[in-house]
N, C-alpha and C. Protein backbone atom coordinates (compact mmCIF):
# COMPACT_ATOMS: atom_id res chain seq x y z
N MET A 1 -192.39 -64.15 47.53
CA MET A 1 -192.37 -65.48 48.07
C MET A 1 -190.99 -66.12 47.91
N PHE A 2 -190.35 -65.85 46.79
CA PHE A 2 -189.08 -66.52 46.52
C PHE A 2 -187.88 -65.72 47.01
N ILE A 3 -187.96 -64.42 46.90
CA ILE A 3 -186.79 -63.60 47.22
C ILE A 3 -186.84 -63.10 48.66
N TYR A 4 -187.92 -62.40 49.01
CA TYR A 4 -188.01 -61.80 50.34
C TYR A 4 -188.62 -62.73 51.38
N ARG A 5 -189.29 -63.74 50.93
CA ARG A 5 -189.94 -64.72 51.80
C ARG A 5 -190.96 -64.06 52.74
N ASP A 6 -191.63 -63.02 52.24
CA ASP A 6 -192.65 -62.34 53.04
C ASP A 6 -193.96 -63.11 53.05
N PHE A 7 -194.23 -63.87 52.02
CA PHE A 7 -195.49 -64.59 51.89
C PHE A 7 -195.24 -66.09 51.84
N LYS A 8 -196.20 -66.82 52.36
CA LYS A 8 -196.12 -68.28 52.35
C LYS A 8 -197.05 -68.82 51.26
N TRP A 9 -196.85 -70.07 50.89
CA TRP A 9 -197.68 -70.71 49.86
C TRP A 9 -199.15 -70.72 50.27
N LYS A 10 -199.41 -70.79 51.58
CA LYS A 10 -200.80 -70.80 52.05
C LYS A 10 -201.51 -69.47 51.75
N GLN A 11 -200.75 -68.41 51.57
CA GLN A 11 -201.32 -67.09 51.30
C GLN A 11 -201.47 -66.81 49.80
N LEU A 12 -201.08 -67.74 48.96
CA LEU A 12 -201.09 -67.52 47.52
C LEU A 12 -202.49 -67.18 47.00
N HIS A 13 -203.51 -67.87 47.50
CA HIS A 13 -204.88 -67.58 47.04
C HIS A 13 -205.32 -66.17 47.42
N ILE A 14 -204.87 -65.67 48.55
CA ILE A 14 -205.20 -64.30 48.96
C ILE A 14 -204.52 -63.30 48.03
N LEU A 15 -203.25 -63.57 47.72
CA LEU A 15 -202.50 -62.69 46.82
C LEU A 15 -203.12 -62.70 45.42
N LEU A 16 -203.49 -63.87 44.94
CA LEU A 16 -204.13 -63.96 43.62
C LEU A 16 -205.46 -63.21 43.60
N PHE A 17 -206.24 -63.33 44.67
CA PHE A 17 -207.52 -62.61 44.73
C PHE A 17 -207.30 -61.10 44.69
N ARG A 18 -206.33 -60.61 45.46
CA ARG A 18 -206.05 -59.16 45.45
C ARG A 18 -205.57 -58.70 44.09
N THR A 19 -204.73 -59.51 43.45
CA THR A 19 -204.23 -59.16 42.12
C THR A 19 -205.36 -59.13 41.11
N ILE A 20 -206.22 -60.13 41.13
CA ILE A 20 -207.35 -60.19 40.20
C ILE A 20 -208.29 -59.02 40.44
N LYS A 21 -208.51 -58.67 41.69
CA LYS A 21 -209.38 -57.54 42.02
C LYS A 21 -208.80 -56.24 41.45
N THR A 22 -207.52 -56.01 41.62
CA THR A 22 -206.87 -54.79 41.12
C THR A 22 -206.89 -54.74 39.59
N VAL A 23 -206.55 -55.86 38.96
CA VAL A 23 -206.54 -55.91 37.50
C VAL A 23 -207.95 -55.70 36.95
N THR A 24 -208.95 -56.25 37.62
CA THR A 24 -210.33 -56.08 37.18
C THR A 24 -210.74 -54.62 37.21
N ILE A 25 -210.39 -53.93 38.27
CA ILE A 25 -210.72 -52.51 38.38
C ILE A 25 -210.08 -51.74 37.24
N VAL A 26 -208.80 -52.01 36.97
CA VAL A 26 -208.10 -51.31 35.89
C VAL A 26 -208.73 -51.64 34.54
N MET A 27 -209.05 -52.89 34.30
CA MET A 27 -209.65 -53.29 33.02
C MET A 27 -211.04 -52.68 32.82
N VAL A 28 -211.83 -52.61 33.87
CA VAL A 28 -213.14 -51.97 33.76
C VAL A 28 -212.97 -50.50 33.45
N LEU A 29 -212.01 -49.85 34.09
CA LEU A 29 -211.72 -48.45 33.82
C LEU A 29 -211.32 -48.25 32.35
N ILE A 30 -210.45 -49.11 31.85
CA ILE A 30 -210.01 -49.02 30.45
C ILE A 30 -211.19 -49.30 29.51
N ALA A 31 -212.02 -50.27 29.85
CA ALA A 31 -213.18 -50.59 28.99
C ALA A 31 -214.14 -49.42 28.91
N PHE A 32 -214.43 -48.79 30.04
CA PHE A 32 -215.34 -47.64 30.02
C PHE A 32 -214.72 -46.46 29.28
N ALA A 33 -213.42 -46.26 29.48
CA ALA A 33 -212.75 -45.17 28.76
C ALA A 33 -212.75 -45.44 27.26
N ALA A 34 -212.55 -46.69 26.85
CA ALA A 34 -212.59 -47.03 25.42
C ALA A 34 -214.00 -46.82 24.87
N GLY A 35 -215.00 -47.23 25.62
CA GLY A 35 -216.38 -47.00 25.21
C GLY A 35 -216.69 -45.52 25.10
N PHE A 36 -216.20 -44.75 26.07
CA PHE A 36 -216.40 -43.31 26.05
C PHE A 36 -215.70 -42.69 24.84
N GLY A 37 -214.50 -43.18 24.54
CA GLY A 37 -213.77 -42.69 23.37
C GLY A 37 -214.49 -43.02 22.08
N ALA A 38 -215.04 -44.22 21.99
CA ALA A 38 -215.80 -44.60 20.79
C ALA A 38 -217.05 -43.74 20.65
N MET A 39 -217.70 -43.48 21.75
CA MET A 39 -218.90 -42.63 21.72
C MET A 39 -218.54 -41.21 21.29
N MET A 40 -217.42 -40.70 21.81
CA MET A 40 -216.98 -39.35 21.42
C MET A 40 -216.65 -39.31 19.93
N THR A 41 -216.01 -40.35 19.43
CA THR A 41 -215.68 -40.40 18.01
C THR A 41 -216.95 -40.45 17.18
N PHE A 42 -217.90 -41.26 17.59
CA PHE A 42 -219.18 -41.37 16.88
C PHE A 42 -219.90 -40.02 16.84
N MET A 43 -219.82 -39.29 17.94
CA MET A 43 -220.48 -37.98 18.02
C MET A 43 -219.62 -36.87 17.41
N GLN A 44 -218.43 -37.22 16.90
CA GLN A 44 -217.47 -36.30 16.31
C GLN A 44 -217.04 -35.21 17.29
N LEU A 45 -216.97 -35.58 18.56
CA LEU A 45 -216.58 -34.63 19.60
C LEU A 45 -215.15 -34.12 19.44
N PRO A 46 -214.16 -34.98 19.09
CA PRO A 46 -212.81 -34.42 18.90
C PRO A 46 -212.77 -33.35 17.82
N THR A 47 -213.52 -33.53 16.73
CA THR A 47 -213.56 -32.53 15.66
C THR A 47 -214.21 -31.24 16.15
N ILE A 48 -215.28 -31.37 16.90
CA ILE A 48 -215.97 -30.19 17.43
C ILE A 48 -215.06 -29.42 18.39
N ILE A 49 -214.37 -30.16 19.26
CA ILE A 49 -213.48 -29.50 20.23
C ILE A 49 -212.29 -28.87 19.51
N THR A 50 -211.74 -29.55 18.51
CA THR A 50 -210.64 -28.98 17.73
C THR A 50 -211.09 -27.68 17.07
N ASP A 51 -212.28 -27.69 16.46
CA ASP A 51 -212.80 -26.47 15.84
C ASP A 51 -213.00 -25.36 16.87
N ALA A 52 -213.51 -25.72 18.05
CA ALA A 52 -213.74 -24.71 19.09
C ALA A 52 -212.42 -24.08 19.54
N PHE A 53 -211.40 -24.91 19.73
CA PHE A 53 -210.10 -24.36 20.16
C PHE A 53 -209.48 -23.50 19.06
N THR A 54 -209.57 -23.95 17.81
CA THR A 54 -208.96 -23.16 16.74
C THR A 54 -209.74 -21.88 16.46
N ARG A 55 -211.04 -21.88 16.74
CA ARG A 55 -211.81 -20.64 16.63
C ARG A 55 -211.52 -19.69 17.77
N LEU A 56 -211.12 -20.24 18.90
CA LEU A 56 -210.79 -19.42 20.06
C LEU A 56 -209.63 -18.49 19.75
N SER A 57 -208.62 -19.06 19.08
CA SER A 57 -207.46 -18.26 18.72
C SER A 57 -206.66 -19.01 17.65
N GLY A 58 -205.96 -18.26 16.85
CA GLY A 58 -205.09 -18.86 15.87
C GLY A 58 -203.68 -19.07 16.41
N ASN A 59 -203.43 -18.52 17.58
CA ASN A 59 -202.12 -18.62 18.21
C ASN A 59 -202.04 -19.92 19.00
N LYS A 60 -201.11 -20.79 18.62
CA LYS A 60 -201.03 -22.09 19.29
C LYS A 60 -200.63 -21.98 20.75
N TYR A 61 -199.90 -20.92 21.12
CA TYR A 61 -199.48 -20.77 22.51
C TYR A 61 -200.66 -20.39 23.42
N ILE A 62 -201.58 -19.61 22.90
CA ILE A 62 -202.79 -19.29 23.67
C ILE A 62 -203.63 -20.54 23.87
N ILE A 63 -203.75 -21.34 22.81
CA ILE A 63 -204.51 -22.58 22.92
C ILE A 63 -203.82 -23.55 23.88
N LEU A 64 -202.49 -23.62 23.82
CA LEU A 64 -201.76 -24.48 24.76
C LEU A 64 -201.95 -24.01 26.20
N MET A 65 -202.00 -22.71 26.43
CA MET A 65 -202.25 -22.21 27.78
C MET A 65 -203.65 -22.60 28.25
N CYS A 66 -204.63 -22.53 27.34
CA CYS A 66 -205.99 -22.97 27.69
C CYS A 66 -206.01 -24.46 28.01
N ILE A 67 -205.29 -25.25 27.21
CA ILE A 67 -205.20 -26.69 27.47
C ILE A 67 -204.49 -26.94 28.81
N ASN A 68 -203.44 -26.17 29.10
CA ASN A 68 -202.75 -26.29 30.40
C ASN A 68 -203.71 -26.04 31.55
N VAL A 69 -204.49 -24.98 31.46
CA VAL A 69 -205.44 -24.66 32.53
C VAL A 69 -206.46 -25.79 32.68
N LEU A 70 -206.99 -26.26 31.55
CA LEU A 70 -207.96 -27.35 31.58
C LEU A 70 -207.36 -28.59 32.24
N LEU A 71 -206.16 -28.98 31.84
CA LEU A 71 -205.53 -30.17 32.41
C LEU A 71 -205.17 -29.99 33.88
N LEU A 72 -204.75 -28.80 34.26
CA LEU A 72 -204.43 -28.56 35.67
C LEU A 72 -205.68 -28.67 36.54
N VAL A 73 -206.77 -28.08 36.08
CA VAL A 73 -208.01 -28.13 36.86
C VAL A 73 -208.52 -29.56 36.96
N ILE A 74 -208.60 -30.24 35.82
CA ILE A 74 -209.10 -31.61 35.84
C ILE A 74 -208.13 -32.52 36.60
N GLY A 75 -206.82 -32.26 36.47
CA GLY A 75 -205.81 -33.06 37.16
C GLY A 75 -205.89 -32.96 38.67
N THR A 76 -206.42 -31.85 39.18
CA THR A 76 -206.57 -31.73 40.63
C THR A 76 -207.82 -32.45 41.13
N LEU A 77 -208.73 -32.78 40.22
CA LEU A 77 -210.00 -33.38 40.62
C LEU A 77 -210.09 -34.87 40.35
N MET A 78 -209.29 -35.37 39.40
CA MET A 78 -209.36 -36.78 39.02
C MET A 78 -207.97 -37.40 39.06
N ASP A 79 -207.95 -38.73 39.03
CA ASP A 79 -206.67 -39.43 38.97
C ASP A 79 -206.13 -39.38 37.55
N MET A 80 -204.85 -39.61 37.43
CA MET A 80 -204.15 -39.44 36.17
C MET A 80 -204.61 -40.42 35.08
N ALA A 81 -204.76 -41.69 35.40
CA ALA A 81 -205.05 -42.71 34.38
C ALA A 81 -206.36 -42.45 33.64
N PRO A 82 -207.47 -42.18 34.33
CA PRO A 82 -208.70 -41.91 33.59
C PRO A 82 -208.61 -40.66 32.73
N ILE A 83 -207.90 -39.65 33.20
CA ILE A 83 -207.77 -38.42 32.41
C ILE A 83 -207.02 -38.71 31.12
N ILE A 84 -205.95 -39.48 31.22
CA ILE A 84 -205.18 -39.83 30.03
C ILE A 84 -206.06 -40.58 29.05
N LEU A 85 -206.80 -41.56 29.55
CA LEU A 85 -207.63 -42.38 28.67
C LEU A 85 -208.78 -41.59 28.05
N ILE A 86 -209.31 -40.63 28.78
CA ILE A 86 -210.48 -39.89 28.28
C ILE A 86 -210.07 -38.70 27.44
N LEU A 87 -209.09 -37.92 27.89
CA LEU A 87 -208.79 -36.66 27.22
C LEU A 87 -207.76 -36.74 26.08
N THR A 88 -206.94 -37.76 26.06
CA THR A 88 -205.95 -37.85 24.98
C THR A 88 -206.63 -37.91 23.61
N PRO A 89 -207.65 -38.76 23.41
CA PRO A 89 -208.28 -38.77 22.08
C PRO A 89 -209.00 -37.46 21.74
N VAL A 90 -209.30 -36.66 22.74
CA VAL A 90 -209.98 -35.39 22.49
C VAL A 90 -208.97 -34.28 22.19
N LEU A 91 -207.89 -34.21 22.99
CA LEU A 91 -206.96 -33.09 22.88
C LEU A 91 -205.83 -33.32 21.87
N LEU A 92 -205.47 -34.56 21.61
CA LEU A 92 -204.39 -34.81 20.65
C LEU A 92 -204.72 -34.29 19.25
N PRO A 93 -205.94 -34.46 18.75
CA PRO A 93 -206.25 -33.87 17.44
C PRO A 93 -206.13 -32.34 17.43
N VAL A 94 -206.45 -31.71 18.55
CA VAL A 94 -206.28 -30.26 18.66
C VAL A 94 -204.80 -29.92 18.52
N ALA A 95 -203.96 -30.65 19.24
CA ALA A 95 -202.51 -30.38 19.21
C ALA A 95 -201.94 -30.63 17.81
N THR A 96 -202.30 -31.72 17.19
CA THR A 96 -201.74 -32.01 15.87
C THR A 96 -202.26 -31.02 14.82
N ALA A 97 -203.50 -30.55 14.99
CA ALA A 97 -204.02 -29.54 14.06
C ALA A 97 -203.24 -28.23 14.17
N LEU A 98 -202.67 -27.98 15.33
CA LEU A 98 -201.87 -26.76 15.53
C LEU A 98 -200.41 -26.97 15.14
N GLY A 99 -200.05 -28.18 14.72
CA GLY A 99 -198.67 -28.47 14.34
C GLY A 99 -197.77 -28.80 15.52
N ILE A 100 -198.36 -29.20 16.62
CA ILE A 100 -197.58 -29.56 17.81
C ILE A 100 -197.22 -31.04 17.71
N ASP A 101 -195.96 -31.34 17.94
CA ASP A 101 -195.50 -32.72 17.89
C ASP A 101 -196.21 -33.54 18.98
N PRO A 102 -196.66 -34.75 18.67
CA PRO A 102 -197.35 -35.58 19.67
C PRO A 102 -196.50 -35.89 20.90
N VAL A 103 -195.19 -36.05 20.74
CA VAL A 103 -194.32 -36.29 21.89
C VAL A 103 -194.28 -35.05 22.78
N HIS A 104 -194.17 -33.89 22.17
CA HIS A 104 -194.19 -32.64 22.93
C HIS A 104 -195.52 -32.49 23.68
N PHE A 105 -196.63 -32.78 22.99
CA PHE A 105 -197.93 -32.68 23.64
C PHE A 105 -198.04 -33.69 24.80
N GLY A 106 -197.48 -34.88 24.60
CA GLY A 106 -197.49 -35.87 25.68
C GLY A 106 -196.74 -35.39 26.90
N MET A 107 -195.62 -34.71 26.68
CA MET A 107 -194.86 -34.14 27.81
C MET A 107 -195.66 -33.05 28.52
N ILE A 108 -196.33 -32.23 27.74
CA ILE A 108 -197.17 -31.18 28.33
C ILE A 108 -198.26 -31.81 29.18
N MET A 109 -198.90 -32.83 28.62
CA MET A 109 -200.01 -33.48 29.32
C MET A 109 -199.53 -34.16 30.61
N MET A 110 -198.42 -34.89 30.53
CA MET A 110 -197.92 -35.60 31.71
C MET A 110 -197.45 -34.63 32.80
N THR A 111 -196.84 -33.52 32.40
CA THR A 111 -196.39 -32.54 33.39
C THR A 111 -197.59 -31.93 34.10
N ASN A 112 -198.60 -31.55 33.33
CA ASN A 112 -199.82 -31.01 33.94
C ASN A 112 -200.45 -32.00 34.91
N LEU A 113 -200.59 -33.23 34.48
CA LEU A 113 -201.25 -34.22 35.33
C LEU A 113 -200.38 -34.61 36.52
N GLY A 114 -199.06 -34.56 36.36
CA GLY A 114 -198.18 -34.79 37.49
C GLY A 114 -198.33 -33.72 38.55
N ILE A 115 -198.48 -32.48 38.11
CA ILE A 115 -198.73 -31.38 39.06
C ILE A 115 -200.08 -31.60 39.74
N GLY A 116 -201.05 -32.08 38.98
CA GLY A 116 -202.37 -32.35 39.56
C GLY A 116 -202.33 -33.42 40.65
N LEU A 117 -201.40 -34.37 40.54
CA LEU A 117 -201.30 -35.43 41.55
C LEU A 117 -200.84 -34.91 42.91
N ILE A 118 -200.20 -33.74 42.93
CA ILE A 118 -199.69 -33.20 44.20
C ILE A 118 -200.41 -31.91 44.59
N THR A 119 -201.58 -31.69 43.97
CA THR A 119 -202.32 -30.47 44.24
C THR A 119 -203.69 -30.81 44.85
N PRO A 120 -204.07 -30.16 45.94
CA PRO A 120 -205.39 -30.41 46.50
C PRO A 120 -206.49 -30.00 45.52
N PRO A 121 -207.67 -30.46 45.61
CA PRO A 121 -208.29 -31.21 46.70
C PRO A 121 -208.05 -32.71 46.67
N VAL A 122 -207.84 -33.31 45.50
CA VAL A 122 -207.66 -34.77 45.48
C VAL A 122 -206.23 -35.11 45.81
N GLY A 123 -205.25 -34.65 45.03
CA GLY A 123 -203.84 -34.81 45.33
C GLY A 123 -203.44 -36.15 45.90
N THR A 124 -203.59 -37.21 45.12
CA THR A 124 -203.32 -38.56 45.60
C THR A 124 -201.95 -38.68 46.24
N VAL A 125 -200.95 -38.11 45.63
CA VAL A 125 -199.59 -38.22 46.14
C VAL A 125 -199.44 -37.45 47.46
N LEU A 126 -200.21 -36.40 47.65
CA LEU A 126 -200.17 -35.67 48.92
C LEU A 126 -200.59 -36.56 50.08
N PHE A 127 -201.60 -37.38 49.85
CA PHE A 127 -202.06 -38.27 50.91
C PHE A 127 -201.01 -39.33 51.23
N VAL A 128 -200.31 -39.80 50.21
CA VAL A 128 -199.23 -40.75 50.43
C VAL A 128 -198.11 -40.08 51.23
N ALA A 129 -197.75 -38.86 50.82
CA ALA A 129 -196.70 -38.12 51.54
C ALA A 129 -197.11 -37.86 52.98
N SER A 130 -198.37 -37.55 53.18
CA SER A 130 -198.88 -37.31 54.53
C SER A 130 -198.78 -38.57 55.37
N ALA A 131 -199.14 -39.70 54.79
CA ALA A 131 -199.10 -40.96 55.54
C ALA A 131 -197.67 -41.37 55.85
N VAL A 132 -196.79 -41.23 54.88
CA VAL A 132 -195.38 -41.63 55.08
C VAL A 132 -194.70 -40.73 56.09
N SER A 133 -194.94 -39.42 56.00
CA SER A 133 -194.27 -38.48 56.90
C SER A 133 -194.97 -38.34 58.25
N LYS A 134 -196.17 -38.92 58.35
CA LYS A 134 -196.97 -38.81 59.58
C LYS A 134 -197.26 -37.35 59.93
N GLN A 135 -197.47 -36.55 58.89
CA GLN A 135 -197.80 -35.13 59.03
C GLN A 135 -199.24 -34.93 58.57
N LYS A 136 -199.85 -33.87 59.04
CA LYS A 136 -201.17 -33.52 58.53
C LYS A 136 -201.05 -33.06 57.09
N ILE A 137 -202.11 -33.25 56.33
CA ILE A 137 -202.10 -32.88 54.91
C ILE A 137 -201.83 -31.39 54.75
N GLU A 138 -202.32 -30.58 55.68
CA GLU A 138 -202.10 -29.14 55.61
C GLU A 138 -200.62 -28.79 55.72
N GLN A 139 -199.91 -29.52 56.58
CA GLN A 139 -198.48 -29.28 56.73
C GLN A 139 -197.71 -29.68 55.47
N VAL A 140 -198.14 -30.78 54.85
CA VAL A 140 -197.48 -31.23 53.62
C VAL A 140 -197.70 -30.21 52.51
N VAL A 141 -198.93 -29.71 52.40
CA VAL A 141 -199.24 -28.73 51.36
C VAL A 141 -198.46 -27.44 51.59
N SER A 142 -198.38 -26.99 52.82
CA SER A 142 -197.65 -25.74 53.08
C SER A 142 -196.15 -25.93 52.80
N ALA A 143 -195.62 -27.11 53.05
CA ALA A 143 -194.22 -27.37 52.72
C ALA A 143 -194.00 -27.44 51.21
N MET A 144 -195.04 -27.79 50.46
CA MET A 144 -194.95 -27.90 48.99
C MET A 144 -195.07 -26.56 48.28
N LEU A 145 -195.58 -25.53 48.94
CA LEU A 145 -195.86 -24.25 48.27
C LEU A 145 -194.70 -23.69 47.45
N PRO A 146 -193.47 -23.66 47.96
CA PRO A 146 -192.39 -23.13 47.11
C PRO A 146 -192.16 -23.96 45.84
N PHE A 147 -192.43 -25.25 45.93
CA PHE A 147 -192.19 -26.13 44.78
C PHE A 147 -193.24 -25.94 43.69
N TYR A 148 -194.44 -25.51 44.05
CA TYR A 148 -195.48 -25.27 43.04
C TYR A 148 -195.02 -24.20 42.04
N GLY A 149 -194.40 -23.15 42.54
CA GLY A 149 -193.90 -22.10 41.65
C GLY A 149 -192.88 -22.64 40.66
N VAL A 150 -191.97 -23.46 41.14
CA VAL A 150 -190.96 -24.06 40.26
C VAL A 150 -191.64 -24.98 39.25
N LEU A 151 -192.61 -25.75 39.70
CA LEU A 151 -193.32 -26.65 38.78
C LEU A 151 -194.05 -25.88 37.68
N PHE A 152 -194.64 -24.76 38.01
CA PHE A 152 -195.32 -23.96 36.99
C PHE A 152 -194.33 -23.35 36.00
N VAL A 153 -193.17 -22.94 36.48
CA VAL A 153 -192.14 -22.43 35.58
C VAL A 153 -191.68 -23.53 34.63
N VAL A 154 -191.46 -24.72 35.16
CA VAL A 154 -191.07 -25.86 34.33
C VAL A 154 -192.16 -26.17 33.31
N LEU A 155 -193.42 -26.14 33.74
CA LEU A 155 -194.53 -26.39 32.82
C LEU A 155 -194.55 -25.37 31.69
N MET A 156 -194.34 -24.11 32.02
CA MET A 156 -194.32 -23.07 30.98
C MET A 156 -193.14 -23.27 30.02
N LEU A 157 -191.99 -23.65 30.57
CA LEU A 157 -190.83 -23.91 29.70
C LEU A 157 -191.09 -25.09 28.77
N ILE A 158 -191.65 -26.17 29.31
CA ILE A 158 -191.96 -27.33 28.48
C ILE A 158 -192.99 -26.97 27.41
N THR A 159 -193.97 -26.16 27.78
CA THR A 159 -195.01 -25.77 26.83
C THR A 159 -194.47 -24.87 25.74
N ASP A 160 -193.67 -23.89 26.10
CA ASP A 160 -193.24 -22.87 25.14
C ASP A 160 -191.96 -23.22 24.38
N VAL A 161 -191.17 -24.16 24.89
CA VAL A 161 -189.92 -24.53 24.23
C VAL A 161 -189.96 -26.03 23.90
N PRO A 162 -190.46 -26.37 22.72
CA PRO A 162 -190.58 -27.80 22.37
C PRO A 162 -189.25 -28.56 22.40
N ALA A 163 -188.14 -27.87 22.18
CA ALA A 163 -186.84 -28.54 22.16
C ALA A 163 -186.52 -29.23 23.49
N ILE A 164 -187.09 -28.73 24.59
CA ILE A 164 -186.86 -29.36 25.89
C ILE A 164 -187.43 -30.78 25.89
N SER A 165 -188.61 -30.95 25.31
CA SER A 165 -189.26 -32.26 25.27
C SER A 165 -188.70 -33.15 24.17
N LEU A 166 -188.18 -32.55 23.13
CA LEU A 166 -187.84 -33.33 21.94
C LEU A 166 -186.35 -33.60 21.77
N TRP A 167 -185.49 -33.07 22.64
CA TRP A 167 -184.06 -33.25 22.43
C TRP A 167 -183.63 -34.71 22.55
N LEU A 168 -184.20 -35.45 23.49
CA LEU A 168 -183.80 -36.84 23.66
C LEU A 168 -184.25 -37.71 22.48
N PRO A 169 -185.50 -37.61 22.02
CA PRO A 169 -185.85 -38.40 20.84
C PRO A 169 -185.01 -38.03 19.62
N HIS A 170 -184.67 -36.74 19.46
CA HIS A 170 -183.81 -36.33 18.36
C HIS A 170 -182.40 -36.92 18.53
N LEU A 171 -181.91 -36.92 19.76
CA LEU A 171 -180.59 -37.44 20.03
C LEU A 171 -180.51 -38.93 19.73
N MET A 172 -181.60 -39.64 20.02
CA MET A 172 -181.64 -41.09 19.78
C MET A 172 -181.95 -41.41 18.32
N GLY A 173 -182.27 -40.40 17.54
CA GLY A 173 -182.58 -40.62 16.12
C GLY A 173 -183.96 -41.19 15.88
N VAL A 174 -184.83 -41.09 16.87
CA VAL A 174 -186.20 -41.60 16.73
C VAL A 174 -187.04 -40.66 15.89
N MET A 175 -186.72 -39.38 15.94
CA MET A 175 -187.54 -38.40 15.23
C MET A 175 -186.74 -37.77 14.10
């Protein structure tokens, strides 16, 4: 309204309604995710899942690969925000039990979910790219195929070489 002058004062109530509607949706999502997290904690689900993963293998890299597969599959089916809210309290105890730095695990999780945003069937970003480029979704996906290989290599590097994720916090003296 002040800088671009795209909206007039008469439209303020419409803008406020849209903003309140969007914020309400996000807050309801966060409330349900918090309730789900509390229920999981009450049922000791993070402990059960941590035990299941550690019984699966003692090798943290095998467990990280299993977590990568899980996050990639779920990331292709759901949006990023609910996955973060639901799975972080479940998977972070697994990572810390294996001695994985939480910042490193966060990078692994975000990279996986970022790949999920551009992977069918849901692929939210693919639909945006399709709309912006005025191309069919199939054309966008076929143009993305070479990049998927690079993304998986980057994911494996981030997973297997913690220094890639941790060099900046170390450089800043945060860690």
